[in-house]
């Protein structure tokens, strides 16, 4: 039993892939099916990294807090 896959991609990428596949005597369907099979078989691996932006807490620097920070800086010297 076959199933249909529908997804959106950039127009230029699709055109370039179609052109290259045709030049190599294949259809884009063949290319995508081979890629999916190789992915499932573990022959192709994709690694994505997602870096969440750090949460930032804004502190009000009061004169008292500034004195404490200055003492810490002096201790670190």
C-alpha atoms as a PDB file:
ATOM      1  CA  UNK A   1       0.000   0.000   0.000  1.00  0.00           C
ATOM      2  CA  UNK A   2       1.346   3.429  -0.897  1.00  0.00           C
ATOM      3  CA  UNK A   3       0.820   6.732   0.839  1.00  0.00           C
ATOM      4  CA  UNK A   4       1.111  10.283  -0.413  1.00  0.00           C
ATOM      5  CA  UNK A   5       3.458  12.796   1.222  1.00  0.00           C
ATOM      6  CA  UNK A   6       2.792  16.492   0.770  1.00  0.00           C
ATOM      7  CA  UNK A   7       5.064  19.208   2.130  1.00  0.00           C
ATOM      8  CA  UNK A   8       6.176  22.708   1.267  1.00  0.00           C
ATOM      9  CA  UNK A   9       9.719  23.678   0.310  1.00  0.00           C
ATOM     10  CA  UNK A  10      11.453  26.649  -1.233  1.00  0.00           C
ATOM     11  CA  UNK A  11      10.690  26.998  -4.934  1.00  0.00           C
ATOM     12  CA  UNK A  12      14.366  27.423  -5.900  1.00  0.00           C
ATOM     13  CA  UNK A  13      15.343  24.290  -3.965  1.00  0.00           C
ATOM     14  CA  UNK A  14      12.642  22.258  -5.683  1.00  0.00           C
ATOM     15  CA  UNK A  15      13.688  23.500  -9.120  1.00  0.00           C
ATOM     16  CA  UNK A  16      17.349  22.747  -8.468  1.00  0.00           C
ATOM     17  CA  UNK A  17      16.542  19.263  -7.138  1.00  0.00           C
ATOM     18  CA  UNK A  18      14.297  18.492 -10.128  1.00  0.00           C
ATOM     19  CA  UNK A  19      17.000  19.686 -12.544  1.00  0.00           C
ATOM     20  CA  UNK A  20      19.732  17.626 -10.885  1.00  0.00           C
ATOM     21  CA  UNK A  21      17.555  14.508 -10.618  1.00  0.00           C
ATOM     22  CA  UNK A  22      16.598  14.772 -14.307  1.00  0.00           C
ATOM     23  CA  UNK A  23      20.238  15.263 -15.282  1.00  0.00           C
ATOM     24  CA  UNK A  24      21.104  12.060 -13.374  1.00  0.00           C
ATOM     25  CA  UNK A  25      18.224  10.137 -14.956  1.00  0.00           C
ATOM     26  CA  UNK A  26      15.993  10.030 -11.903  1.00  0.00           C
ATOM     27  CA  UNK A  27      12.744  11.542 -10.800  1.00  0.00           C
ATOM     28  CA  UNK A  28      12.441  13.673  -7.692  1.00  0.00           C
ATOM     29  CA  UNK A  29      10.125  10.970  -6.320  1.00  0.00           C
ATOM     30  CA  UNK A  30      12.975   8.440  -6.589  1.00  0.00           C
ATOM     31  CA  UNK A  31      15.399  10.796  -4.843  1.00  0.00           C
ATOM     32  CA  UNK A  32      13.028  11.486  -1.964  1.00  0.00           C
ATOM     33  CA  UNK A  33      12.081   7.822  -1.554  1.00  0.00           C
ATOM     34  CA  UNK A  34      15.748   6.781  -1.444  1.00  0.00           C
ATOM     35  CA  UNK A  35      16.473   9.515   1.097  1.00  0.00           C
ATOM     36  CA  UNK A  36      13.601   8.422   3.323  1.00  0.00           C
ATOM     37  CA  UNK A  37      14.647   4.764   3.095  1.00  0.00           C
ATOM     38  CA  UNK A  38      18.285   5.590   3.877  1.00  0.00           C
ATOM     39  CA  UNK A  39      17.144   7.720   6.818  1.00  0.00           C
ATOM     40  CA  UNK A  40      15.033   4.886   8.222  1.00  0.00           C
ATOM     41  CA  UNK A  41      17.887   2.405   7.664  1.00  0.00           C
ATOM     42  CA  UNK A  42      20.282   4.668   9.574  1.00  0.00           C
ATOM     43  CA  UNK A  43      22.418   5.518   6.552  1.00  0.00           C
ATOM     44  CA  UNK A  44      21.590   9.237   6.754  1.00  0.00           C
ATOM     45  CA  UNK A  45      21.720  11.163  10.013  1.00  0.00           C
ATOM     46  CA  UNK A  46      20.501  14.663  10.732  1.00  0.00           C
ATOM     47  CA  UNK A  47      21.640  16.694  13.702  1.00  0.00           C
ATOM     48  CA  UNK A  48      19.816  19.781  14.776  1.00  0.00           C
ATOM     49  CA  UNK A  49      20.674  21.965  17.698  1.00  0.00           C
ATOM     50  CA  UNK A  50      18.291  24.358  19.318  1.00  0.00           C
ATOM     51  CA  UNK A  51      19.678  26.931  21.649  1.00  0.00           C
ATOM     52  CA  UNK A  52      17.124  28.510  23.899  1.00  0.00           C
ATOM     53  CA  UNK A  53      17.838  32.131  24.698  1.00  0.00           C
ATOM     54  CA  UNK A  54      18.886  32.505  28.303  1.00  0.00           C
ATOM     55  CA  UNK A  55      16.425  34.092  30.650  1.00  0.00           C
ATOM     56  CA  UNK A  56      17.625  37.439  31.878  1.00  0.00           C
ATOM     57  CA  UNK A  57      16.755  38.941  35.205  1.00  0.00           C
ATOM     58  CA  UNK A  58      17.153  42.674  35.475  1.00  0.00           C
ATOM     59  CA  UNK A  59      18.373  43.923  38.827  1.00  0.00           C
ATOM     60  CA  UNK A  60      18.062  47.426  40.112  1.00  0.00           C
ATOM     61  CA  UNK A  61      21.468  48.396  41.409  1.00  0.00           C
ATOM     62  CA  UNK A  62      20.862  50.281  44.613  1.00  0.00           C
ATOM     63  CA  UNK A  63      23.699  52.031  46.453  1.00  0.00           C
ATOM     64  CA  UNK A  64      23.730  49.227  49.031  1.00  0.00           C
ATOM     65  CA  UNK A  65      23.955  46.540  46.340  1.00  0.00           C
ATOM     66  CA  UNK A  66      26.723  48.479  44.589  1.00  0.00           C
ATOM     67  CA  UNK A  67      28.766  48.533  47.813  1.00  0.00           C
ATOM     68  CA  UNK A  68      28.379  44.750  48.152  1.00  0.00           C
ATOM     69  CA  UNK A  69      29.407  44.228  44.537  1.00  0.00           C
ATOM     70  CA  UNK A  70      32.444  46.436  45.022  1.00  0.00           C
ATOM     71  CA  UNK A  71      33.478  44.362  48.067  1.00  0.00           C
ATOM     72  CA  UNK A  72      33.198  41.164  45.998  1.00  0.00           C
ATOM     73  CA  UNK A  73      35.343  42.674  43.246  1.00  0.00           C
ATOM     74  CA  UNK A  74      37.959  43.702  45.820  1.00  0.00           C
ATOM     75  CA  UNK A  75      38.019  40.159  47.250  1.00  0.00           C
ATOM     76  CA  UNK A  76      38.535  38.679  43.815  1.00  0.00           C
ATOM     77  CA  UNK A  77      41.544  40.884  43.065  1.00  0.00           C
END
